[in-house]
Amino acid sequence: FTFSAAGMCAPLFVTVSGLSEEEMPNKPFLHMRVPGLCIGGGGVTVGNNQEGHVFFMRKMEGADRTRYEYYQREVLIPFINGVRMELDDFDASVGTSIPKKLTAVSWCDGDLAQIA
């Protein structure tokens, strides 16, 4: 799980790793967006269809780094920018520099690929 200091939760990101080329013959990675794969989803909270992510990956050199770069680009950065917009009405997509008070910090949870 990834949370902001305000307690907001980023979309869930589940990894199925170590798959063989036989199990994934067409490409080394497969990303699926799954509506309702979220806290309170799956019918727990009516109408909660926030998307979660499932990322399948082959066992291969560099796979963890690729996965984390994908997570940063597709989940973490959009989440951070969404929090900035929701709480501070700051639109990071317009290309202006980020004010110091909106600096984001991310640290690893023990997954060494995050710090590679």
PDB file of N, CA and C in Angstrom:
ATOM      1  N   PHE A   1       0.831  -1.183   0.000  1.00  0.00           N
ATOM      2  CA  PHE A   1       0.000   0.000   0.000  1.00  0.00           C
ATOM      3  C   PHE A   1       0.876   1.247   0.000  1.00  0.00           C
ATOM      4  N   THR A   2       0.379   2.301  -0.643  1.00  0.00           N
ATOM      5  CA  THR A   2       1.046   3.600  -0.640  1.00  0.00           C
ATOM      6  C   THR A   2       0.044   4.625  -0.123  1.00  0.00           C
ATOM      7  N   PHE A   3       0.446   5.385   0.892  1.00  0.00           N
ATOM      8  CA  PHE A   3      -0.418   6.389   1.492  1.00  0.00           C
ATOM      9  C   PHE A   3       0.247   7.756   1.465  1.00  0.00           C
ATOM     10  N   SER A   4      -0.581   8.802   1.434  1.00  0.00           N
ATOM     11  CA  SER A   4      -0.072  10.161   1.603  1.00  0.00           C
ATOM     12  C   SER A   4      -0.080  10.476   3.099  1.00  0.00           C
ATOM     13  N   ALA A   5       0.587  11.557   3.480  1.00  0.00           N
ATOM     14  CA  ALA A   5       0.590  11.975   4.883  1.00  0.00           C
ATOM     15  C   ALA A   5      -0.817  12.333   5.353  1.00  0.00           C
ATOM     16  N   ALA A   6      -1.700  12.678   4.415  1.00  0.00           N
ATOM     17  CA  ALA A   6      -3.080  13.004   4.753  1.00  0.00           C
ATOM     18  C   ALA A   6      -3.951  11.755   4.869  1.00  0.00           C
ATOM     19  N   GLY A   7      -3.356  10.574   4.654  1.00  0.00           N
ATOM     20  CA  GLY A   7      -4.090   9.328   4.803  1.00  0.00           C
ATOM     21  C   GLY A   7      -4.771   8.829   3.544  1.00  0.00           C
ATOM     22  N   MET A   8      -4.546   9.491   2.417  1.00  0.00           N
ATOM     23  CA  MET A   8      -5.145   9.048   1.160  1.00  0.00           C
ATOM     24  C   MET A   8      -4.351   7.855   0.618  1.00  0.00           C
ATOM     25  N   CYS A   9      -5.057   6.874   0.076  1.00  0.00           N
ATOM     26  CA  CYS A   9      -4.420   5.647  -0.407  1.00  0.00           C
ATOM     27  C   CYS A   9      -4.302   5.662  -1.924  1.00  0.00           C
ATOM     28  N   ALA A  10      -3.104   5.360  -2.412  1.00  0.00           N
ATOM     29  CA  ALA A  10      -2.889   5.238  -3.858  1.00  0.00           C
ATOM     30  C   ALA A  10      -3.594   3.983  -4.358  1.00  0.00           C
ATOM     31  N   PRO A  11      -3.869   3.913  -5.654  1.00  0.00           N
ATOM     32  CA  PRO A  11      -4.440   2.684  -6.201  1.00  0.00           C
ATOM     33  C   PRO A  11      -3.554   1.479  -5.865  1.00  0.00           C
ATOM     34  N   LEU A  12      -4.202   0.360  -5.589  1.00  0.00           N
ATOM     35  CA  LEU A  12      -3.455  -0.853  -5.264  1.00  0.00           C
ATOM     36  C   LEU A  12      -2.671  -1.329  -6.478  1.00  0.00           C
ATOM     37  N   PHE A  13      -1.502  -1.898  -6.226  1.00  0.00           N
ATOM     38  CA  PHE A  13      -0.624  -2.405  -7.277  1.00  0.00           C
ATOM     39  C   PHE A  13      -0.116  -3.761  -6.813  1.00  0.00           C
ATOM     40  N   VAL A  14      -0.608  -4.811  -7.456  1.00  0.00           N
ATOM     41  CA  VAL A  14      -0.260  -6.187  -7.105  1.00  0.00           C
ATOM     42  C   VAL A  14       0.669  -6.732  -8.177  1.00  0.00           C
ATOM     43  N   THR A  15       1.748  -7.394  -7.760  1.00  0.00           N
ATOM     44  CA  THR A  15       2.696  -7.971  -8.707  1.00  0.00           C
ATOM     45  C   THR A  15       2.657  -9.490  -8.616  1.00  0.00           C
ATOM     46  N   VAL A  16       2.557 -10.134  -9.762  1.00  0.00           N
ATOM     47  CA  VAL A  16       2.707 -11.583  -9.874  1.00  0.00           C
ATOM     48  C   VAL A  16       4.026 -11.776 -10.598  1.00  0.00           C
ATOM     49  N   SER A  17       5.053 -12.193  -9.853  1.00  0.00           N
ATOM     50  CA  SER A  17       6.402 -12.223 -10.416  1.00  0.00           C
ATOM     51  C   SER A  17       6.921 -13.649 -10.569  1.00  0.00           C
ATOM     52  N   GLY A  18       8.059 -13.743 -11.251  1.00  0.00           N
ATOM     53  CA  GLY A  18       8.739 -15.024 -11.395  1.00  0.00           C
ATOM     54  C   GLY A  18       8.125 -15.963 -12.409  1.00  0.00           C
ATOM     55  N   LEU A  19       7.294 -15.433 -13.303  1.00  0.00           N
ATOM     56  CA  LEU A  19       6.649 -16.292 -14.300  1.00  0.00           C
ATOM     57  C   LEU A  19       7.660 -16.714 -15.371  1.00  0.00           C
ATOM     58  N   SER A  20       7.439 -17.859 -15.964  1.00  0.00           N
ATOM     59  CA  SER A  20       8.339 -18.379 -16.994  1.00  0.00           C
ATOM     60  C   SER A  20       7.939 -17.852 -18.368  1.00  0.00           C
ATOM     61  N   GLU A  21       8.821 -18.032 -19.339  1.00  0.00           N
ATOM     62  CA  GLU A  21       8.509 -17.644 -20.712  1.00  0.00           C
ATOM     63  C   GLU A  21       7.351 -18.493 -21.244  1.00  0.00           C
ATOM     64  N   GLU A  22       7.255 -19.715 -20.776  1.00  0.00           N
ATOM     65  CA  GLU A  22       6.138 -20.585 -21.169  1.00  0.00           C
ATOM     66  C   GLU A  22       4.810 -20.042 -20.637  1.00  0.00           C
ATOM     67  N   GLU A  23       4.842 -19.499 -19.416  1.00  0.00           N
ATOM     68  CA  GLU A  23       3.627 -18.936 -18.818  1.00  0.00           C
ATOM     69  C   GLU A  23       3.258 -17.589 -19.426  1.00  0.00           C
ATOM     70  N   MET A  24       4.264 -16.867 -19.906  1.00  0.00           N
ATOM     71  CA  MET A  24       4.046 -15.565 -20.553  1.00  0.00           C
ATOM     72  C   MET A  24       4.803 -15.555 -21.868  1.00  0.00           C
ATOM     73  N   PRO A  25       4.276 -16.203 -22.896  1.00  0.00           N
ATOM     74  CA  PRO A  25       5.035 -16.377 -24.142  1.00  0.00           C
ATOM     75  C   PRO A  25       5.139 -15.136 -25.025  1.00  0.00           C
ATOM     76  N   ASN A  26       4.217 -14.188 -24.911  1.00  0.00           N
ATOM     77  CA  ASN A  26       4.181 -13.082 -25.873  1.00  0.00           C
ATOM     78  C   ASN A  26       4.980 -11.853 -25.475  1.00  0.00           C
ATOM     79  N   LYS A  27       5.094 -11.591 -24.173  1.00  0.00           N
ATOM     80  CA  LYS A  27       5.845 -10.420 -23.718  1.00  0.00           C
ATOM     81  C   LYS A  27       6.267 -10.627 -22.270  1.00  0.00           C
ATOM     82  N   PRO A  28       7.301  -9.917 -21.837  1.00  0.00           N
ATOM     83  CA  PRO A  28       7.806 -10.132 -20.486  1.00  0.00           C
ATOM     84  C   PRO A  28       6.957  -9.506 -19.378  1.00  0.00           C
ATOM     85  N   PHE A  29       6.078  -8.552 -19.722  1.00  0.00           N
ATOM     86  CA  PHE A  29       5.245  -7.883 -18.732  1.00  0.00           C
ATOM     87  C   PHE A  29       3.821  -7.750 -19.247  1.00  0.00           C
ATOM     88  N   LEU A  30       2.871  -7.814 -18.336  1.00  0.00           N
ATOM     89  CA  LEU A  30       1.472  -7.590 -18.680  1.00  0.00           C
ATOM     90  C   LEU A  30       0.841  -6.803 -17.545  1.00  0.00           C
ATOM     91  N   HIS A  31       0.258  -5.672 -17.880  1.00  0.00           N
ATOM     92  CA  HIS A  31      -0.396  -4.809 -16.897  1.00  0.00           C
ATOM     93  C   HIS A  31      -1.896  -4.863 -17.136  1.00  0.00           C
ATOM     94  N   MET A  32      -2.656  -5.072 -16.058  1.00  0.00           N
ATOM     95  CA  MET A  32      -4.121  -5.073 -16.146  1.00  0.00           C
ATOM     96  C   MET A  32      -4.682  -4.072 -15.140  1.00  0.00           C
ATOM     97  N   ARG A  33      -5.580  -3.218 -15.608  1.00  0.00           N
ATOM     98  CA  ARG A  33      -6.321  -2.324 -14.718  1.00  0.00           C
ATOM     99  C   ARG A  33      -7.601  -3.063 -14.332  1.00  0.00           C
ATOM    100  N   VAL A  34      -7.895  -3.090 -13.028  1.00  0.00           N
ATOM    101  CA  VAL A  34      -9.030  -3.861 -12.534  1.00  0.00           C
ATOM    102  C   VAL A  34      -9.960  -2.953 -11.739  1.00  0.00           C
ATOM    103  N   PRO A  35     -11.114  -2.573 -12.325  1.00  0.00           N
ATOM    104  CA  PRO A  35     -12.077  -1.751 -11.589  1.00  0.00           C
ATOM    105  C   PRO A  35     -12.552  -2.474 -10.328  1.00  0.00           C
ATOM    106  N   GLY A  36     -12.585  -1.753  -9.220  1.00  0.00           N
ATOM    107  CA  GLY A  36     -13.049  -2.331  -7.958  1.00  0.00           C
ATOM    108  C   GLY A  36     -11.947  -2.975  -7.135  1.00  0.00           C
ATOM    109  N   LEU A  37     -10.720  -3.064  -7.665  1.00  0.00           N
ATOM    110  CA  LEU A  37      -9.595  -3.609  -6.894  1.00  0.00           C
ATOM    111  C   LEU A  37      -9.030  -2.469  -6.047  1.00  0.00           C
ATOM    112  N   CYS A  38      -9.721  -2.204  -4.938  1.00  0.00           N
ATOM    113  CA  CYS A  38      -9.366  -1.079  -4.089  1.00  0.00           C
ATOM    114  C   CYS A  38      -9.941  -1.315  -2.699  1.00  0.00           C
ATOM    115  N   ILE A  39      -9.500  -0.526  -1.750  1.00  0.00           N
ATOM    116  CA  ILE A  39     -10.072  -0.587  -0.409  1.00  0.00           C
ATOM    117  C   ILE A  39     -11.535  -0.177  -0.517  1.00  0.00           C
ATOM    118  N   GLY A  40     -12.417  -1.000  -0.021  1.00  0.00           N
ATOM    119  CA  GLY A  40     -13.848  -0.714  -0.106  1.00  0.00           C
ATOM    120  C   GLY A  40     -14.460  -1.112  -1.436  1.00  0.00           C
ATOM    121  N   GLY A  41     -13.690  -1.726  -2.318  1.00  0.00           N
ATOM    122  CA  GLY A  41     -14.204  -2.159  -3.621  1.00  0.00           C
ATOM    123  C   GLY A  41     -14.844  -3.536  -3.531  1.00  0.00           C
ATOM    124  N   GLY A  42     -15.170  -4.067  -4.670  1.00  0.00           N
ATOM    125  CA  GLY A  42     -15.747  -5.407  -4.726  1.00  0.00           C
ATOM    126  C   GLY A  42     -17.093  -5.520  -4.049  1.00  0.00           C
ATOM    127  N   GLY A  43     -17.837  -4.418  -4.001  1.00  0.00           N
ATOM    128  CA  GLY A  43     -19.164  -4.454  -3.409  1.00  0.00           C
ATOM    129  C   GLY A  43     -19.202  -4.041  -1.945  1.00  0.00           C
ATOM    130  N   VAL A  44     -18.045  -3.835  -1.311  1.00  0.00           N
ATOM    131  CA  VAL A  44     -18.024  -3.406   0.090  1.00  0.00           C
ATOM    132  C   VAL A  44     -18.624  -2.012   0.215  1.00  0.00           C
ATOM    133  N   THR A  45     -18.191  -1.095  -0.647  1.00  0.00           N
ATOM    134  CA  THR A  45     -18.759   0.239  -0.714  1.00  0.00           C
ATOM    135  C   THR A  45     -19.448   0.359  -2.068  1.00  0.00           C
ATOM    136  N   VAL A  46     -20.748   0.521  -2.059  1.00  0.00           N
ATOM    137  CA  VAL A  46     -21.517   0.565  -3.297  1.00  0.00           C
ATOM    138  C   VAL A  46     -20.992   1.659  -4.220  1.00  0.00           C
ATOM    139  N   GLY A  47     -20.728   1.299  -5.476  1.00  0.00           N
ATOM    140  CA  GLY A  47     -20.296   2.260  -6.474  1.00  0.00           C
ATOM    141  C   GLY A  47     -18.808   2.557  -6.477  1.00  0.00           C
ATOM    142  N   ASN A  48     -18.036   1.946  -5.596  1.00  0.00           N
ATOM    143  CA  ASN A  48     -16.595   2.214  -5.566  1.00  0.00           C
ATOM    144  C   ASN A  48     -15.924   1.380  -6.652  1.00  0.00           C
ATOM    145  N   ASN A  49     -15.608   2.012  -7.761  1.00  0.00           N
ATOM    146  CA  ASN A  49     -14.982   1.329  -8.889  1.00  0.00           C
ATOM    147  C   ASN A  49     -13.593   1.851  -9.186  1.00  0.00           C
ATOM    148  N   GLN A  50     -12.921   2.411  -8.161  1.00  0.00           N
ATOM    149  CA  GLN A  50     -11.550   2.853  -8.371  1.00  0.00           C
ATOM    150  C   GLN A  50     -10.750   1.678  -8.921  1.00  0.00           C
ATOM    151  N   GLU A  51      -9.870   1.965  -9.864  1.00  0.00           N
ATOM    152  CA  GLU A  51      -9.064   0.908 -10.465  1.00  0.00           C
ATOM    153  C   GLU A  51      -7.857   0.568  -9.618  1.00  0.00           C
ATOM    154  N   GLY A  52      -7.589  -0.717  -9.537  1.00  0.00           N
ATOM    155  CA  GLY A  52      -6.335  -1.209  -8.998  1.00  0.00           C
ATOM    156  C   GLY A  52      -5.542  -1.775 -10.166  1.00  0.00           C
ATOM    157  N   HIS A  53      -4.332  -2.209  -9.902  1.00  0.00           N
ATOM    158  CA  HIS A  53      -3.440  -2.675 -10.959  1.00  0.00           C
ATOM    159  C   HIS A  53      -2.880  -4.051 -10.612  1.00  0.00           C
ATOM    160  N   VAL A  54      -2.841  -4.935 -11.593  1.00  0.00           N
ATOM    161  CA  VAL A  54      -2.161  -6.219 -11.454  1.00  0.00           C
ATOM    162  C   VAL A  54      -1.091  -6.256 -12.533  1.00  0.00           C
ATOM    163  N   PHE A  55       0.138  -6.536 -12.122  1.00  0.00           N
ATOM    164  CA  PHE A  55       1.292  -6.507 -13.017  1.00  0.00           C
ATOM    165  C   PHE A  55       1.930  -7.895 -13.007  1.00  0.00           C
ATOM    166  N   PHE A  56       1.851  -8.587 -14.139  1.00  0.00           N
ATOM    167  CA  PHE A  56       2.460  -9.902 -14.301  1.00  0.00           C
ATOM    168  C   PHE A  56       3.835  -9.708 -14.934  1.00  0.00           C
ATOM    169  N   MET A  57       4.851 -10.445 -14.438  1.00  0.00           N
ATOM    170  CA  MET A  57       6.186 -10.287 -15.009  1.00  0.00           C
ATOM    171  C   MET A  57       6.956 -11.601 -15.012  1.00  0.00           C
ATOM    172  N   ARG A  58       7.699 -11.781 -16.092  1.00  0.00           N
ATOM    173  CA  ARG A  58       8.576 -12.940 -16.210  1.00  0.00           C
ATOM    174  C   ARG A  58       9.759 -12.798 -15.264  1.00  0.00           C
ATOM    175  N   LYS A  59      10.328 -13.937 -14.910  1.00  0.00           N
ATOM    176  CA  LYS A  59      11.591 -13.942 -14.171  1.00  0.00           C
ATOM    177  C   LYS A  59      12.693 -13.682 -15.178  1.00  0.00           C
ATOM    178  N   MET A  60      13.338 -12.521 -15.071  1.00  0.00           N
ATOM    179  CA  MET A  60      14.405 -12.149 -15.999  1.00  0.00           C
ATOM    180  C   MET A  60      15.221 -11.017 -15.385  1.00  0.00           C
ATOM    181  N   GLU A  61      16.425 -10.863 -15.860  1.00  0.00           N
ATOM    182  CA  GLU A  61      17.284  -9.803 -15.353  1.00  0.00           C
ATOM    183  C   GLU A  61      16.665  -8.438 -15.634  1.00  0.00           C
ATOM    184  N   GLY A  62      16.677  -7.582 -14.630  1.00  0.00           N
ATOM    185  CA  GLY A  62      16.154  -6.230 -14.785  1.00  0.00           C
ATOM    186  C   GLY A  62      14.649  -6.109 -14.606  1.00  0.00           C
ATOM    187  N   ALA A  63      13.970  -7.218 -14.322  1.00  0.00           N
ATOM    188  CA  ALA A  63      12.510  -7.191 -14.222  1.00  0.00           C
ATOM    189  C   ALA A  63      12.033  -6.316 -13.070  1.00  0.00           C
ATOM    190  N   ASP A  64      12.675  -6.421 -11.909  1.00  0.00           N
ATOM    191  CA  ASP A  64      12.241  -5.625 -10.763  1.00  0.00           C
ATOM    192  C   ASP A  64      12.379  -4.130 -11.020  1.00  0.00           C
ATOM    193  N   ARG A  65      13.471  -3.743 -11.629  1.00  0.00           N
ATOM    194  CA  ARG A  65      13.674  -2.323 -11.930  1.00  0.00           C
ATOM    195  C   ARG A  65      12.609  -1.828 -12.916  1.00  0.00           C
ATOM    196  N   THR A  66      12.328  -2.612 -13.938  1.00  0.00           N
ATOM    197  CA  THR A  66      11.294  -2.247 -14.909  1.00  0.00           C
ATOM    198  C   THR A  66       9.937  -2.113 -14.229  1.00  0.00           C
ATOM    199  N   ARG A  67       9.638  -3.042 -13.328  1.00  0.00           N
ATOM    200  CA  ARG A  67       8.362  -3.003 -12.600  1.00  0.00           C
ATOM    201  C   ARG A  67       8.262  -1.735 -11.770  1.00  0.00           C
ATOM    202  N   TYR A  68       9.317  -1.395 -11.047  1.00  0.00           N
ATOM    203  CA  TYR A  68       9.243  -0.218 -10.204  1.00  0.00           C
ATOM    204  C   TYR A  68       9.172   1.066 -11.023  1.00  0.00           C
ATOM    205  N   GLU A  69       9.890   1.136 -12.115  1.00  0.00           N
ATOM    206  CA  GLU A  69       9.795   2.313 -12.993  1.00  0.00           C
ATOM    207  C   GLU A  69       8.376   2.452 -13.533  1.00  0.00           C
ATOM    208  N   TYR A  70       7.765   1.327 -13.896  1.00  0.00           N
ATOM    209  CA  TYR A  70       6.380   1.346 -14.378  1.00  0.00           C
ATOM    210  C   TYR A  70       5.447   1.836 -13.270  1.00  0.00           C
ATOM    211  N   TYR A  71       5.646   1.315 -12.056  1.00  0.00           N
ATOM    212  CA  TYR A  71       4.830   1.736 -10.919  1.00  0.00           C
ATOM    213  C   TYR A  71       4.959   3.237 -10.676  1.00  0.00           C
ATOM    214  N   GLN A  72       6.170   3.751 -10.702  1.00  0.00           N
ATOM    215  CA  GLN A  72       6.377   5.189 -10.504  1.00  0.00           C
ATOM    216  C   GLN A  72       5.626   5.998 -11.553  1.00  0.00           C
ATOM    217  N   ARG A  73       5.787   5.614 -12.812  1.00  0.00           N
ATOM    218  CA  ARG A  73       5.219   6.377 -13.931  1.00  0.00           C
ATOM    219  C   ARG A  73       3.693   6.270 -13.978  1.00  0.00           C
ATOM    220  N   GLU A  74       3.150   5.070 -13.784  1.00  0.00           N
ATOM    221  CA  GLU A  74       1.721   4.836 -14.019  1.00  0.00           C
ATOM    222  C   GLU A  74       0.842   4.950 -12.770  1.00  0.00           C
ATOM    223  N   VAL A  75       1.424   4.810 -11.573  1.00  0.00           N
ATOM    224  CA  VAL A  75       0.620   4.817 -10.348  1.00  0.00           C
ATOM    225  C   VAL A  75       1.075   5.907  -9.379  1.00  0.00           C
ATOM    226  N   LEU A  76       2.345   5.886  -8.973  1.00  0.00           N
ATOM    227  CA  LEU A  76       2.816   6.784  -7.922  1.00  0.00           C
ATOM    228  C   LEU A  76       2.745   8.256  -8.318  1.00  0.00           C
ATOM    229  N   ILE A  77       3.326   8.632  -9.446  1.00  0.00           N
ATOM    230  CA  ILE A  77       3.334  10.048  -9.854  1.00  0.00           C
ATOM    231  C   ILE A  77       1.915  10.565 -10.110  1.00  0.00           C
ATOM    232  N   PRO A  78       1.050   9.816 -10.826  1.00  0.00           N
ATOM    233  CA  PRO A  78      -0.332  10.305 -10.965  1.00  0.00           C
ATOM    234  C   PRO A  78      -1.049  10.447  -9.617  1.00  0.00           C
ATOM    235  N   PHE A  79      -0.775   9.536  -8.668  1.00  0.00           N
ATOM    236  CA  PHE A  79      -1.372   9.646  -7.333  1.00  0.00           C
ATOM    237  C   PHE A  79      -0.901  10.914  -6.635  1.00  0.00           C
ATOM    238  N   ILE A  80       0.397  11.159  -6.647  1.00  0.00           N
ATOM    239  CA  ILE A  80       0.946  12.365  -6.009  1.00  0.00           C
ATOM    240  C   ILE A  80       0.334  13.620  -6.630  1.00  0.00           C
ATOM    241  N   ASN A  81       0.259  13.654  -7.953  1.00  0.00           N
ATOM    242  CA  ASN A  81      -0.323  14.821  -8.620  1.00  0.00           C
ATOM    243  C   ASN A  81      -1.809  14.959  -8.308  1.00  0.00           C
ATOM    244  N   GLY A  82      -2.507  13.838  -8.158  1.00  0.00           N
ATOM    245  CA  GLY A  82      -3.920  13.874  -7.770  1.00  0.00           C
ATOM    246  C   GLY A  82      -4.118  14.431  -6.366  1.00  0.00           C
ATOM    247  N   VAL A  83      -3.242  14.056  -5.444  1.00  0.00           N
ATOM    248  CA  VAL A  83      -3.300  14.584  -4.078  1.00  0.00           C
ATOM    249  C   VAL A  83      -3.035  16.089  -4.093  1.00  0.00           C
ATOM    250  N   ARG A  84      -2.054  16.515  -4.863  1.00  0.00           N
ATOM    251  CA  ARG A  84      -1.761  17.956  -4.962  1.00  0.00           C
ATOM    252  C   ARG A  84      -2.983  18.719  -5.480  1.00  0.00           C
ATOM    253  N   MET A  85      -3.662  18.150  -6.458  1.00  0.00           N
ATOM    254  CA  MET A  85      -4.841  18.812  -7.034  1.00  0.00           C
ATOM    255  C   MET A  85      -6.000  18.820  -6.021  1.00  0.00           C
ATOM    256  N   GLU A  86      -6.236  17.682  -5.387  1.00  0.00           N
ATOM    257  CA  GLU A  86      -7.360  17.546  -4.455  1.00  0.00           C
ATOM    258  C   GLU A  86      -7.200  18.431  -3.218  1.00  0.00           C
ATOM    259  N   LEU A  87      -6.012  18.451  -2.642  1.00  0.00           N
ATOM    260  CA  LEU A  87      -5.823  19.155  -1.367  1.00  0.00           C
ATOM    261  C   LEU A  87      -5.327  20.584  -1.510  1.00  0.00           C
ATOM    262  N   ASP A  88      -4.656  20.905  -2.620  1.00  0.00           N
ATOM    263  CA  ASP A  88      -4.067  22.235  -2.760  1.00  0.00           C
ATOM    264  C   ASP A  88      -4.443  22.931  -4.058  1.00  0.00           C
ATOM    265  N   ASP A  89      -5.291  22.314  -4.860  1.00  0.00           N
ATOM    266  CA  ASP A  89      -5.727  22.878  -6.137  1.00  0.00           C
ATOM    267  C   ASP A  89      -4.528  23.247  -7.018  1.00  0.00           C
ATOM    268  N   PHE A  90      -3.481  22.391  -6.967  1.00  0.00           N
ATOM    269  CA  PHE A  90      -2.284  22.613  -7.774  1.00  0.00           C
ATOM    270  C   PHE A  90      -2.270  21.626  -8.924  1.00  0.00           C
ATOM    271  N   ASP A  91      -2.255  22.134 -10.140  1.00  0.00           N
ATOM    272  CA  ASP A  91      -2.257  21.289 -11.336  1.00  0.00           C
ATOM    273  C   ASP A  91      -0.832  21.128 -11.853  1.00  0.00           C
ATOM    274  N   ALA A  92      -0.242  19.973 -11.570  1.00  0.00           N
ATOM    275  CA  ALA A  92       1.140  19.713 -11.978  1.00  0.00           C
ATOM    276  C   ALA A  92       1.260  19.486 -13.483  1.00  0.00           C
ATOM    277  N   SER A  93       0.147  19.245 -14.154  1.00  0.00           N
ATOM    278  CA  SER A  93       0.207  18.958 -15.595  1.00  0.00           C
ATOM    279  C   SER A  93       0.476  20.194 -16.447  1.00  0.00           C
ATOM    280  N   VAL A  94       0.355  21.388 -15.872  1.00  0.00           N
ATOM    281  CA  VAL A  94       0.562  22.598 -16.671  1.00  0.00           C
ATOM    282  C   VAL A  94       2.036  22.950 -16.823  1.00  0.00           C
ATOM    283  N   GLY A  95       2.920  22.183 -16.170  1.00  0.00           N
ATOM    284  CA  GLY A  95       4.351  22.369 -16.375  1.00  0.00           C
ATOM    285  C   GLY A  95       5.015  23.404 -15.495  1.00  0.00           C
ATOM    286  N   THR A  96       4.305  23.957 -14.519  1.00  0.00           N
ATOM    287  CA  THR A  96       4.944  24.907 -13.612  1.00  0.00           C
ATOM    288  C   THR A  96       5.752  24.143 -12.568  1.00  0.00           C
ATOM    289  N   SER A  97       6.715  24.819 -11.975  1.00  0.00           N
ATOM    290  CA  SER A  97       7.532  24.134 -10.973  1.00  0.00           C
ATOM    291  C   SER A  97       6.695  23.876  -9.717  1.00  0.00           C
ATOM    292  N   ILE A  98       7.044  22.809  -9.028  1.00  0.00           N
ATOM    293  CA  ILE A  98       6.310  22.387  -7.835  1.00  0.00           C
ATOM    294  C   ILE A  98       6.748  23.264  -6.657  1.00  0.00           C
ATOM    295  N   PRO A  99       5.807  23.889  -5.963  1.00  0.00           N
ATOM    296  CA  PRO A  99       6.177  24.689  -4.786  1.00  0.00           C
ATOM    297  C   PRO A  99       6.811  23.800  -3.711  1.00  0.00           C
ATOM    298  N   LYS A 100       7.707  24.358  -2.942  1.00  0.00           N
ATOM    299  CA  LYS A 100       8.423  23.608  -1.919  1.00  0.00           C
ATOM    300  C   LYS A 100       7.460  22.915  -0.950  1.00  0.00           C
ATOM    301  N   LYS A 101       6.367  23.572  -0.602  1.00  0.00           N
ATOM    302  CA  LYS A 101       5.424  22.987   0.362  1.00  0.00           C
ATOM    303  C   LYS A 101       4.706  21.746  -0.200  1.00  0.00           C
ATOM    304  N   LEU A 102       4.779  21.547  -1.522  1.00  0.00           N
ATOM    305  CA  LEU A 102       4.133  20.384  -2.134  1.00  0.00           C
ATOM    306  C   LEU A 102       5.141  19.315  -2.564  1.00  0.00           C
ATOM    307  N   THR A 103       6.358  19.400  -2.038  1.00  0.00           N
ATOM    308  CA  THR A 103       7.378  18.401  -2.341  1.00  0.00           C
ATOM    309  C   THR A 103       6.908  17.032  -1.858  1.00  0.00           C
ATOM    310  N   ALA A 104       7.060  16.031  -2.682  1.00  0.00           N
ATOM    311  CA  ALA A 104       6.685  14.656  -2.318  1.00  0.00           C
ATOM    312  C   ALA A 104       7.942  13.859  -2.001  1.00  0.00           C
ATOM    313  N   VAL A 105       7.824  13.000  -1.005  1.00  0.00           N
ATOM    314  CA  VAL A 105       8.918  12.116  -0.612  1.00  0.00           C
ATOM    315  C   VAL A 105       8.388  10.694  -0.636  1.00  0.00           C
ATOM    316  N   SER A 106       9.164   9.803  -1.226  1.00  0.00           N
ATOM    317  CA  SER A 106       8.784   8.392  -1.263  1.00  0.00           C
ATOM    318  C   SER A 106       9.969   7.580  -0.776  1.00  0.00           C
ATOM    319  N   TRP A 107       9.721   6.576   0.031  1.00  0.00           N
ATOM    320  CA  TRP A 107      10.806   5.715   0.485  1.00  0.00           C
ATOM    321  C   TRP A 107      10.405   4.264   0.330  1.00  0.00           C
ATOM    322  N   CYS A 108      11.404   3.406   0.335  1.00  0.00           N
ATOM    323  CA  CYS A 108      11.142   1.990   0.053  1.00  0.00           C
ATOM    324  C   CYS A 108      10.653   1.259   1.289  1.00  0.00           C
ATOM    325  N   ASP A 109       9.987   0.152   1.041  1.00  0.00           N
ATOM    326  CA  ASP A 109       9.446  -0.681   2.110  1.00  0.00           C
ATOM    327  C   ASP A 109      10.229  -1.984   2.239  1.00  0.00           C
ATOM    328  N   GLY A 110      11.428  -1.984   1.706  1.00  0.00           N
ATOM    329  CA  GLY A 110      12.233  -3.199   1.762  1.00  0.00           C
ATOM    330  C   GLY A 110      12.415  -3.862   0.421  1.00  0.00           C
ATOM    331  N   ASP A 111      11.730  -3.381  -0.598  1.00  0.00           N
ATOM    332  CA  ASP A 111      11.871  -3.916  -1.945  1.00  0.00           C
ATOM    333  C   ASP A 111      13.106  -3.259  -2.568  1.00  0.00           C
ATOM    334  N   LEU A 112      14.211  -3.996  -2.646  1.00  0.00           N
ATOM    335  CA  LEU A 112      15.468  -3.402  -3.070  1.00  0.00           C
ATOM    336  C   LEU A 112      15.417  -2.797  -4.466  1.00  0.00           C
ATOM    337  N   ALA A 113      14.525  -3.236  -5.326  1.00  0.00           N
ATOM    338  CA  ALA A 113      14.445  -2.651  -6.668  1.00  0.00           C
ATOM    339  C   ALA A 113      14.054  -1.174  -6.612  1.00  0.00           C
ATOM    340  N   GLN A 114      13.424  -0.757  -5.528  1.00  0.00           N
ATOM    341  CA  GLN A 114      13.014   0.639  -5.410  1.00  0.00           C
ATOM    342  C   GLN A 114      14.188   1.586  -5.248  1.00  0.00           C
ATOM    343  N   ILE A 115      15.307   1.091  -4.746  1.00  0.00           N
ATOM    344  CA  ILE A 115      16.438   1.974  -4.491  1.00  0.00           C
ATOM    345  C   ILE A 115      17.594   1.726  -5.468  1.00  0.00           C
ATOM    346  N   ALA A 116      17.400   0.811  -6.397  1.00  0.00           N
ATOM    347  CA  ALA A 116      18.463   0.479  -7.364  1.00  0.00           C
ATOM    348  C   ALA A 116      18.719   1.628  -8.311  1.00  0.00           C
TER     349      ALA A 116
END
